[in-house]
């Protein structure tokens, strides 16, 4: 797979287009919080967004609630425990 991360300005533009706060963007992309989100949109050395993070956020933007439930259900069938209302990510 060839992947080039969106630029910090691309991510900032998305945030503006969908009119979300930094905290809301962090929740959408599965990032710990608004402060972590800002590391992708600025600073001296902005972080590159991993493809799986971008995929997760994009899926949440475009999939219907039913489609998203189906994906989460399949993840659970595979063995994951997932709750999108909780910010904690265990690795």
PDB file of N, CA and C in Angstrom:
ATOM      1  N   UNK A   1       0.844  -1.176   0.000  1.00  0.00           N
ATOM      2  CA  UNK A   1       0.000   0.000   0.000  1.00  0.00           C
ATOM      3  C   UNK A   1       0.888   1.236   0.000  1.00  0.00           C
ATOM      4  N   UNK A   2       0.561   2.167  -0.826  1.00  0.00           N
ATOM      5  CA  UNK A   2       1.234   3.470  -0.828  1.00  0.00           C
ATOM      6  C   UNK A   2       0.338   4.437  -0.074  1.00  0.00           C
ATOM      7  N   UNK A   3       0.890   5.157   0.873  1.00  0.00           N
ATOM      8  CA  UNK A   3       0.117   6.088   1.691  1.00  0.00           C
ATOM      9  C   UNK A   3       0.969   7.307   1.993  1.00  0.00           C
ATOM     10  N   UNK A   4       0.392   8.465   1.777  1.00  0.00           N
ATOM     11  CA  UNK A   4       1.001   9.731   2.186  1.00  0.00           C
ATOM     12  C   UNK A   4      -0.014  10.412   3.093  1.00  0.00           C
ATOM     13  N   UNK A   5       0.407  10.727   4.284  1.00  0.00           N
ATOM     14  CA  UNK A   5      -0.475  11.336   5.275  1.00  0.00           C
ATOM     15  C   UNK A   5      -0.969  12.704   4.806  1.00  0.00           C
ATOM     16  N   UNK A   6      -2.213  13.045   5.182  1.00  0.00           N
ATOM     17  CA  UNK A   6      -2.659  14.418   4.919  1.00  0.00           C
ATOM     18  C   UNK A   6      -1.748  15.400   5.654  1.00  0.00           C
ATOM     19  N   UNK A   7      -1.579  16.558   5.089  1.00  0.00           N
ATOM     20  CA  UNK A   7      -0.754  17.579   5.727  1.00  0.00           C
ATOM     21  C   UNK A   7      -1.501  18.166   6.927  1.00  0.00           C
ATOM     22  N   UNK A   8      -0.771  18.824   7.820  1.00  0.00           N
ATOM     23  CA  UNK A   8      -1.446  19.512   8.926  1.00  0.00           C
ATOM     24  C   UNK A   8      -2.524  20.479   8.433  1.00  0.00           C
ATOM     25  N   UNK A   9      -2.262  21.169   7.333  1.00  0.00           N
ATOM     26  CA  UNK A   9      -3.271  22.104   6.816  1.00  0.00           C
ATOM     27  C   UNK A   9      -4.481  21.356   6.256  1.00  0.00           C
ATOM     28  N   UNK A  10      -4.274  20.160   5.685  1.00  0.00           N
ATOM     29  CA  UNK A  10      -5.401  19.338   5.223  1.00  0.00           C
ATOM     30  C   UNK A  10      -6.301  18.965   6.403  1.00  0.00           C
ATOM     31  N   UNK A  11      -5.681  18.557   7.506  1.00  0.00           N
ATOM     32  CA  UNK A  11      -6.457  18.158   8.680  1.00  0.00           C
ATOM     33  C   UNK A  11      -7.154  19.357   9.317  1.00  0.00           C
ATOM     34  N   UNK A  12      -6.491  20.495   9.331  1.00  0.00           N
ATOM     35  CA  UNK A  12      -7.117  21.710   9.857  1.00  0.00           C
ATOM     36  C   UNK A  12      -8.291  22.127   8.975  1.00  0.00           C
ATOM     37  N   UNK A  13      -8.125  21.993   7.667  1.00  0.00           N
ATOM     38  CA  UNK A  13      -9.211  22.329   6.743  1.00  0.00           C
ATOM     39  C   UNK A  13     -10.419  21.412   6.984  1.00  0.00           C
ATOM     40  N   UNK A  14     -10.176  20.116   7.177  1.00  0.00           N
ATOM     41  CA  UNK A  14     -11.268  19.189   7.475  1.00  0.00           C
ATOM     42  C   UNK A  14     -11.986  19.611   8.753  1.00  0.00           C
ATOM     43  N   UNK A  15     -11.224  19.920   9.777  1.00  0.00           N
ATOM     44  CA  UNK A  15     -11.804  20.366  11.052  1.00  0.00           C
ATOM     45  C   UNK A  15     -12.719  21.567  10.835  1.00  0.00           C
ATOM     46  N   UNK A  16     -12.260  22.520  10.031  1.00  0.00           N
ATOM     47  CA  UNK A  16     -13.058  23.709   9.755  1.00  0.00           C
ATOM     48  C   UNK A  16     -14.292  23.376   8.923  1.00  0.00           C
ATOM     49  N   UNK A  17     -14.118  22.497   7.929  1.00  0.00           N
ATOM     50  CA  UNK A  17     -15.235  22.129   7.044  1.00  0.00           C
ATOM     51  C   UNK A  17     -16.367  21.457   7.802  1.00  0.00           C
ATOM     52  N   UNK A  18     -16.016  20.591   8.739  1.00  0.00           N
ATOM     53  CA  UNK A  18     -17.065  19.879   9.471  1.00  0.00           C
ATOM     54  C   UNK A  18     -17.421  20.570  10.783  1.00  0.00           C
ATOM     55  N   UNK A  19     -16.795  21.720  11.025  1.00  0.00           N
ATOM     56  CA  UNK A  19     -17.112  22.585  12.158  1.00  0.00           C
ATOM     57  C   UNK A  19     -17.073  21.840  13.492  1.00  0.00           C
ATOM     58  N   UNK A  20     -15.902  21.251  13.776  1.00  0.00           N
ATOM     59  CA  UNK A  20     -15.716  20.509  15.023  1.00  0.00           C
ATOM     60  C   UNK A  20     -14.611  21.155  15.849  1.00  0.00           C
ATOM     61  N   UNK A  21     -14.676  20.947  17.147  1.00  0.00           N
ATOM     62  CA  UNK A  21     -13.609  21.402  18.034  1.00  0.00           C
ATOM     63  C   UNK A  21     -12.450  20.410  17.975  1.00  0.00           C
ATOM     64  N   UNK A  22     -11.326  20.779  18.561  1.00  0.00           N
ATOM     65  CA  UNK A  22     -10.204  19.862  18.650  1.00  0.00           C
ATOM     66  C   UNK A  22     -10.559  18.608  19.432  1.00  0.00           C
ATOM     67  N   UNK A  23     -11.320  18.762  20.504  1.00  0.00           N
ATOM     68  CA  UNK A  23     -11.765  17.608  21.300  1.00  0.00           C
ATOM     69  C   UNK A  23     -12.642  16.688  20.462  1.00  0.00           C
ATOM     70  N   UNK A  24     -13.537  17.274  19.674  1.00  0.00           N
ATOM     71  CA  UNK A  24     -14.418  16.471  18.823  1.00  0.00           C
ATOM     72  C   UNK A  24     -13.631  15.748  17.731  1.00  0.00           C
ATOM     73  N   UNK A  25     -12.614  16.408  17.192  1.00  0.00           N
ATOM     74  CA  UNK A  25     -11.777  15.755  16.174  1.00  0.00           C
ATOM     75  C   UNK A  25     -10.991  14.608  16.799  1.00  0.00           C
ATOM     76  N   UNK A  26     -10.501  14.820  18.012  1.00  0.00           N
ATOM     77  CA  UNK A  26      -9.776  13.762  18.707  1.00  0.00           C
ATOM     78  C   UNK A  26     -10.680  12.549  18.899  1.00  0.00           C
ATOM     79  N   UNK A  27     -11.912  12.780  19.309  1.00  0.00           N
ATOM     80  CA  UNK A  27     -12.860  11.686  19.511  1.00  0.00           C
ATOM     81  C   UNK A  27     -13.148  10.983  18.186  1.00  0.00           C
ATOM     82  N   UNK A  28     -13.334  11.747  17.126  1.00  0.00           N
ATOM     83  CA  UNK A  28     -13.640  11.190  15.809  1.00  0.00           C
ATOM     84  C   UNK A  28     -12.540  10.268  15.314  1.00  0.00           C
ATOM     85  N   UNK A  29     -11.283  10.653  15.529  1.00  0.00           N
ATOM     86  CA  UNK A  29     -10.148   9.893  15.017  1.00  0.00           C
ATOM     87  C   UNK A  29      -9.534   8.942  16.044  1.00  0.00           C
ATOM     88  N   UNK A  30     -10.098   8.899  17.241  1.00  0.00           N
ATOM     89  CA  UNK A  30      -9.590   7.981  18.252  1.00  0.00           C
ATOM     90  C   UNK A  30      -8.304   8.438  18.903  1.00  0.00           C
ATOM     91  N   UNK A  31      -8.134   9.742  19.011  1.00  0.00           N
ATOM     92  CA  UNK A  31      -6.948  10.335  19.634  1.00  0.00           C
ATOM     93  C   UNK A  31      -7.309  10.700  21.075  1.00  0.00           C
ATOM     94  N   UNK A  32      -6.334  10.687  21.971  1.00  0.00           N
ATOM     95  CA  UNK A  32      -6.573  10.858  23.401  1.00  0.00           C
ATOM     96  C   UNK A  32      -7.295  12.152  23.772  1.00  0.00           C
ATOM     97  N   UNK A  33      -7.107  13.232  23.063  1.00  0.00           N
ATOM     98  CA  UNK A  33      -7.771  14.484  23.405  1.00  0.00           C
ATOM     99  C   UNK A  33      -7.359  15.599  22.460  1.00  0.00           C
ATOM    100  N   UNK A  34      -7.930  16.773  22.684  1.00  0.00           N
ATOM    101  CA  UNK A  34      -7.662  17.917  21.822  1.00  0.00           C
ATOM    102  C   UNK A  34      -6.193  18.289  21.750  1.00  0.00           C
ATOM    103  N   UNK A  35      -5.492  18.147  22.861  1.00  0.00           N
ATOM    104  CA  UNK A  35      -4.059  18.463  22.870  1.00  0.00           C
ATOM    105  C   UNK A  35      -3.296  17.507  21.949  1.00  0.00           C
ATOM    106  N   UNK A  36      -3.678  16.232  21.964  1.00  0.00           N
ATOM    107  CA  UNK A  36      -3.035  15.270  21.069  1.00  0.00           C
ATOM    108  C   UNK A  36      -3.408  15.557  19.615  1.00  0.00           C
ATOM    109  N   UNK A  37      -4.674  15.920  19.364  1.00  0.00           N
ATOM    110  CA  UNK A  37      -5.104  16.251  18.003  1.00  0.00           C
ATOM    111  C   UNK A  37      -4.250  17.371  17.425  1.00  0.00           C
ATOM    112  N   UNK A  38      -3.970  18.390  18.246  1.00  0.00           N
ATOM    113  CA  UNK A  38      -3.190  19.535  17.771  1.00  0.00           C
ATOM    114  C   UNK A  38      -1.795  19.129  17.312  1.00  0.00           C
ATOM    115  N   UNK A  39      -1.287  18.007  17.802  1.00  0.00           N
ATOM    116  CA  UNK A  39       0.025  17.539  17.356  1.00  0.00           C
ATOM    117  C   UNK A  39       0.009  17.109  15.894  1.00  0.00           C
ATOM    118  N   UNK A  40      -1.181  16.872  15.361  1.00  0.00           N
ATOM    119  CA  UNK A  40      -1.310  16.508  13.944  1.00  0.00           C
ATOM    120  C   UNK A  40      -1.544  17.731  13.059  1.00  0.00           C
ATOM    121  N   UNK A  41      -1.885  18.854  13.658  1.00  0.00           N
ATOM    122  CA  UNK A  41      -2.245  20.035  12.872  1.00  0.00           C
ATOM    123  C   UNK A  41      -1.289  21.206  13.030  1.00  0.00           C
ATOM    124  N   UNK A  42      -0.191  21.024  13.753  1.00  0.00           N
ATOM    125  CA  UNK A  42       0.733  22.143  13.891  1.00  0.00           C
ATOM    126  C   UNK A  42       1.929  21.817  14.747  1.00  0.00           C
ATOM    127  N   UNK A  43       2.613  22.862  15.133  1.00  0.00           N
ATOM    128  CA  UNK A  43       3.816  22.714  15.929  1.00  0.00           C
ATOM    129  C   UNK A  43       5.052  22.640  15.047  1.00  0.00           C
ATOM    130  N   UNK A  44       6.206  22.586  15.685  1.00  0.00           N
ATOM    131  CA  UNK A  44       7.481  22.562  14.957  1.00  0.00           C
ATOM    132  C   UNK A  44       7.634  21.288  14.131  1.00  0.00           C
ATOM    133  N   UNK A  45       7.162  20.158  14.685  1.00  0.00           N
ATOM    134  CA  UNK A  45       7.254  18.878  13.974  1.00  0.00           C
ATOM    135  C   UNK A  45       5.924  18.145  14.104  1.00  0.00           C
ATOM    136  N   UNK A  46       4.946  18.511  13.271  1.00  0.00           N
ATOM    137  CA  UNK A  46       3.635  17.861  13.372  1.00  0.00           C
ATOM    138  C   UNK A  46       3.741  16.359  13.105  1.00  0.00           C
ATOM    139  N   UNK A  47       2.898  15.611  13.786  1.00  0.00           N
ATOM    140  CA  UNK A  47       2.847  14.165  13.578  1.00  0.00           C
ATOM    141  C   UNK A  47       2.148  13.851  12.260  1.00  0.00           C
ATOM    142  N   UNK A  48       2.558  12.747  11.642  1.00  0.00           N
ATOM    143  CA  UNK A  48       1.843  12.249  10.475  1.00  0.00           C
ATOM    144  C   UNK A  48       0.739  11.326  10.972  1.00  0.00           C
ATOM    145  N   UNK A  49      -0.419  11.414  10.343  1.00  0.00           N
ATOM    146  CA  UNK A  49      -1.522  10.561  10.727  1.00  0.00           C
ATOM    147  C   UNK A  49      -1.366   9.188  10.069  1.00  0.00           C
ATOM    148  N   UNK A  50      -1.400   8.147  10.890  1.00  0.00           N
ATOM    149  CA  UNK A  50      -1.295   6.781  10.392  1.00  0.00           C
ATOM    150  C   UNK A  50      -2.530   6.443   9.552  1.00  0.00           C
ATOM    151  N   UNK A  51      -2.368   5.595   8.554  1.00  0.00           N
ATOM    152  CA  UNK A  51      -3.500   5.288   7.675  1.00  0.00           C
ATOM    153  C   UNK A  51      -4.692   4.693   8.412  1.00  0.00           C
ATOM    154  N   UNK A  52      -4.458   3.880   9.433  1.00  0.00           N
ATOM    155  CA  UNK A  52      -5.584   3.289  10.149  1.00  0.00           C
ATOM    156  C   UNK A  52      -6.368   4.344  10.921  1.00  0.00           C
ATOM    157  N   UNK A  53      -5.689   5.368  11.417  1.00  0.00           N
ATOM    158  CA  UNK A  53      -6.385   6.453  12.108  1.00  0.00           C
ATOM    159  C   UNK A  53      -7.241   7.248  11.127  1.00  0.00           C
ATOM    160  N   UNK A  54      -6.669   7.543   9.968  1.00  0.00           N
ATOM    161  CA  UNK A  54      -7.419   8.282   8.954  1.00  0.00           C
ATOM    162  C   UNK A  54      -8.613   7.463   8.479  1.00  0.00           C
ATOM    163  N   UNK A  55      -8.406   6.173   8.281  1.00  0.00           N
ATOM    164  CA  UNK A  55      -9.488   5.293   7.847  1.00  0.00           C
ATOM    165  C   UNK A  55     -10.618   5.289   8.868  1.00  0.00           C
ATOM    166  N   UNK A  56     -10.263   5.175  10.145  1.00  0.00           N
ATOM    167  CA  UNK A  56     -11.255   5.158  11.221  1.00  0.00           C
ATOM    168  C   UNK A  56     -12.078   6.438  11.229  1.00  0.00           C
ATOM    169  N   UNK A  57     -11.400   7.577  11.168  1.00  0.00           N
ATOM    170  CA  UNK A  57     -12.114   8.853  11.173  1.00  0.00           C
ATOM    171  C   UNK A  57     -12.971   9.030   9.931  1.00  0.00           C
ATOM    172  N   UNK A  58     -12.433   8.681   8.773  1.00  0.00           N
ATOM    173  CA  UNK A  58     -13.191   8.813   7.525  1.00  0.00           C
ATOM    174  C   UNK A  58     -14.405   7.887   7.538  1.00  0.00           C
ATOM    175  N   UNK A  59     -14.227   6.673   8.045  1.00  0.00           N
ATOM    176  CA  UNK A  59     -15.349   5.735   8.122  1.00  0.00           C
ATOM    177  C   UNK A  59     -16.455   6.297   9.004  1.00  0.00           C
ATOM    178  N   UNK A  60     -16.083   6.901  10.098  1.00  0.00           N
ATOM    179  CA  UNK A  60     -17.085   7.477  11.001  1.00  0.00           C
ATOM    180  C   UNK A  60     -17.793   8.666  10.375  1.00  0.00           C
ATOM    181  N   UNK A  61     -17.133   9.329   9.428  1.00  0.00           N
ATOM    182  CA  UNK A  61     -17.764  10.456   8.740  1.00  0.00           C
ATOM    183  C   UNK A  61     -18.735  10.011   7.644  1.00  0.00           C
ATOM    184  N   UNK A  62     -18.444   8.867   6.999  1.00  0.00           N
ATOM    185  CA  UNK A  62     -19.242   8.505   5.823  1.00  0.00           C
ATOM    186  C   UNK A  62     -20.177   7.316   6.015  1.00  0.00           C
ATOM    187  N   UNK A  63     -19.893   6.433   6.957  1.00  0.00           N
ATOM    188  CA  UNK A  63     -20.762   5.272   7.132  1.00  0.00           C
ATOM    189  C   UNK A  63     -22.028   5.655   7.889  1.00  0.00           C
ATOM    190  N   UNK A  64     -23.123   4.992   7.528  1.00  0.00           N
ATOM    191  CA  UNK A  64     -24.359   5.192   8.280  1.00  0.00           C
ATOM    192  C   UNK A  64     -24.197   4.554   9.657  1.00  0.00           C
ATOM    193  N   UNK A  65     -25.086   4.881  10.569  1.00  0.00           N
ATOM    194  CA  UNK A  65     -25.031   4.281  11.907  1.00  0.00           C
ATOM    195  C   UNK A  65     -25.118   2.763  11.816  1.00  0.00           C
ATOM    196  N   UNK A  66     -25.986   2.248  10.930  1.00  0.00           N
ATOM    197  CA  UNK A  66     -26.132   0.817  10.770  1.00  0.00           C
ATOM    198  C   UNK A  66     -24.849   0.182  10.236  1.00  0.00           C
ATOM    199  N   UNK A  67     -24.238   0.814   9.245  1.00  0.00           N
ATOM    200  CA  UNK A  67     -22.983   0.284   8.692  1.00  0.00           C
ATOM    201  C   UNK A  67     -21.883   0.278   9.744  1.00  0.00           C
ATOM    202  N   UNK A  68     -21.805   1.334  10.514  1.00  0.00           N
ATOM    203  CA  UNK A  68     -20.787   1.410  11.562  1.00  0.00           C
ATOM    204  C   UNK A  68     -21.033   0.341  12.623  1.00  0.00           C
ATOM    205  N   UNK A  69     -22.292   0.123  12.995  1.00  0.00           N
ATOM    206  CA  UNK A  69     -22.618  -0.936  13.955  1.00  0.00           C
ATOM    207  C   UNK A  69     -22.196  -2.301  13.421  1.00  0.00           C
ATOM    208  N   UNK A  70     -22.374  -2.530  12.114  1.00  0.00           N
ATOM    209  CA  UNK A  70     -21.972  -3.800  11.512  1.00  0.00           C
ATOM    210  C   UNK A  70     -20.462  -3.999  11.610  1.00  0.00           C
ATOM    211  N   UNK A  71     -19.707  -2.950  11.333  1.00  0.00           N
ATOM    212  CA  UNK A  71     -18.241  -3.042  11.426  1.00  0.00           C
ATOM    213  C   UNK A  71     -17.823  -3.307  12.867  1.00  0.00           C
ATOM    214  N   UNK A  72     -18.391  -2.551  13.800  1.00  0.00           N
ATOM    215  CA  UNK A  72     -18.047  -2.744  15.214  1.00  0.00           C
ATOM    216  C   UNK A  72     -18.451  -4.136  15.685  1.00  0.00           C
ATOM    217  N   UNK A  73     -19.587  -4.628  15.190  1.00  0.00           N
ATOM    218  CA  UNK A  73     -20.017  -5.984  15.524  1.00  0.00           C
ATOM    219  C   UNK A  73     -19.020  -7.021  15.036  1.00  0.00           C
ATOM    220  N   UNK A  74     -18.516  -6.830  13.834  1.00  0.00           N
ATOM    221  CA  UNK A  74     -17.521  -7.760  13.284  1.00  0.00           C
ATOM    222  C   UNK A  74     -16.230  -7.697  14.101  1.00  0.00           C
ATOM    223  N   UNK A  75     -15.843  -6.504  14.520  1.00  0.00           N
ATOM    224  CA  UNK A  75     -14.655  -6.362  15.359  1.00  0.00           C
ATOM    225  C   UNK A  75     -14.835  -7.145  16.655  1.00  0.00           C
ATOM    226  N   UNK A  76     -16.039  -7.078  17.225  1.00  0.00           N
ATOM    227  CA  UNK A  76     -16.318  -7.816  18.459  1.00  0.00           C
ATOM    228  C   UNK A  76     -16.285  -9.320  18.210  1.00  0.00           C
ATOM    229  N   UNK A  77     -16.818  -9.750  17.060  1.00  0.00           N
ATOM    230  CA  UNK A  77     -16.779 -11.178  16.714  1.00  0.00           C
ATOM    231  C   UNK A  77     -15.334 -11.677  16.629  1.00  0.00           C
ATOM    232  N   UNK A  78     -14.454 -10.822  16.160  1.00  0.00           N
ATOM    233  CA  UNK A  78     -13.039 -11.182  16.049  1.00  0.00           C
ATOM    234  C   UNK A  78     -12.395 -11.261  17.427  1.00  0.00           C
ATOM    235  N   UNK A  79     -12.969 -10.574  18.395  1.00  0.00           N
ATOM    236  CA  UNK A  79     -12.450 -10.654  19.753  1.00  0.00           C
ATOM    237  C   UNK A  79     -12.198  -9.322  20.434  1.00  0.00           C
ATOM    238  N   UNK A  80     -12.443  -8.232  19.753  1.00  0.00           N
ATOM    239  CA  UNK A  80     -12.192  -6.917  20.341  1.00  0.00           C
ATOM    240  C   UNK A  80     -13.304  -6.520  21.310  1.00  0.00           C
ATOM    241  N   UNK A  81     -12.940  -5.698  22.256  1.00  0.00           N
ATOM    242  CA  UNK A  81     -13.909  -4.999  23.088  1.00  0.00           C
ATOM    243  C   UNK A  81     -13.801  -3.545  22.678  1.00  0.00           C
ATOM    244  N   UNK A  82     -14.914  -2.956  22.282  1.00  0.00           N
ATOM    245  CA  UNK A  82     -14.863  -1.581  21.785  1.00  0.00           C
ATOM    246  C   UNK A  82     -16.095  -0.815  22.234  1.00  0.00           C
ATOM    247  N   UNK A  83     -15.860   0.404  22.706  1.00  0.00           N
ATOM    248  CA  UNK A  83     -16.913   1.320  23.109  1.00  0.00           C
ATOM    249  C   UNK A  83     -16.494   2.702  22.629  1.00  0.00           C
ATOM    250  N   UNK A  84     -17.167   3.209  21.630  1.00  0.00           N
ATOM    251  CA  UNK A  84     -16.774   4.499  21.053  1.00  0.00           C
ATOM    252  C   UNK A  84     -17.065   5.681  21.964  1.00  0.00           C
ATOM    253  N   UNK A  85     -17.783   5.451  23.056  1.00  0.00           N
ATOM    254  CA  UNK A  85     -18.073   6.556  23.974  1.00  0.00           C
ATOM    255  C   UNK A  85     -16.995   6.724  25.033  1.00  0.00           C
ATOM    256  N   UNK A  86     -15.979   5.860  25.021  1.00  0.00           N
ATOM    257  CA  UNK A  86     -14.900   5.897  26.001  1.00  0.00           C
ATOM    258  C   UNK A  86     -13.602   6.287  25.303  1.00  0.00           C
ATOM    259  N   UNK A  87     -12.840   7.194  25.896  1.00  0.00           N
ATOM    260  CA  UNK A  87     -11.604   7.689  25.268  1.00  0.00           C
ATOM    261  C   UNK A  87     -10.423   6.752  25.450  1.00  0.00           C
ATOM    262  N   UNK A  88     -10.477   5.827  26.368  1.00  0.00           N
ATOM    263  CA  UNK A  88      -9.333   4.965  26.675  1.00  0.00           C
ATOM    264  C   UNK A  88      -9.052   3.984  25.544  1.00  0.00           C
ATOM    265  N   UNK A  89      -7.773   3.858  25.182  1.00  0.00           N
ATOM    266  CA  UNK A  89      -7.335   2.877  24.197  1.00  0.00           C
ATOM    267  C   UNK A  89      -6.265   2.034  24.846  1.00  0.00           C
ATOM    268  N   UNK A  90      -6.512   0.730  24.953  1.00  0.00           N
ATOM    269  CA  UNK A  90      -5.518  -0.199  25.507  1.00  0.00           C
ATOM    270  C   UNK A  90      -4.805  -0.879  24.385  1.00  0.00           C
ATOM    271  N   UNK A  91      -3.474  -1.003  24.495  1.00  0.00           N
ATOM    272  CA  UNK A  91      -2.717  -1.688  23.447  1.00  0.00           C
ATOM    273  C   UNK A  91      -1.959  -2.860  23.993  1.00  0.00           C
TER     274      UNK A  91
END
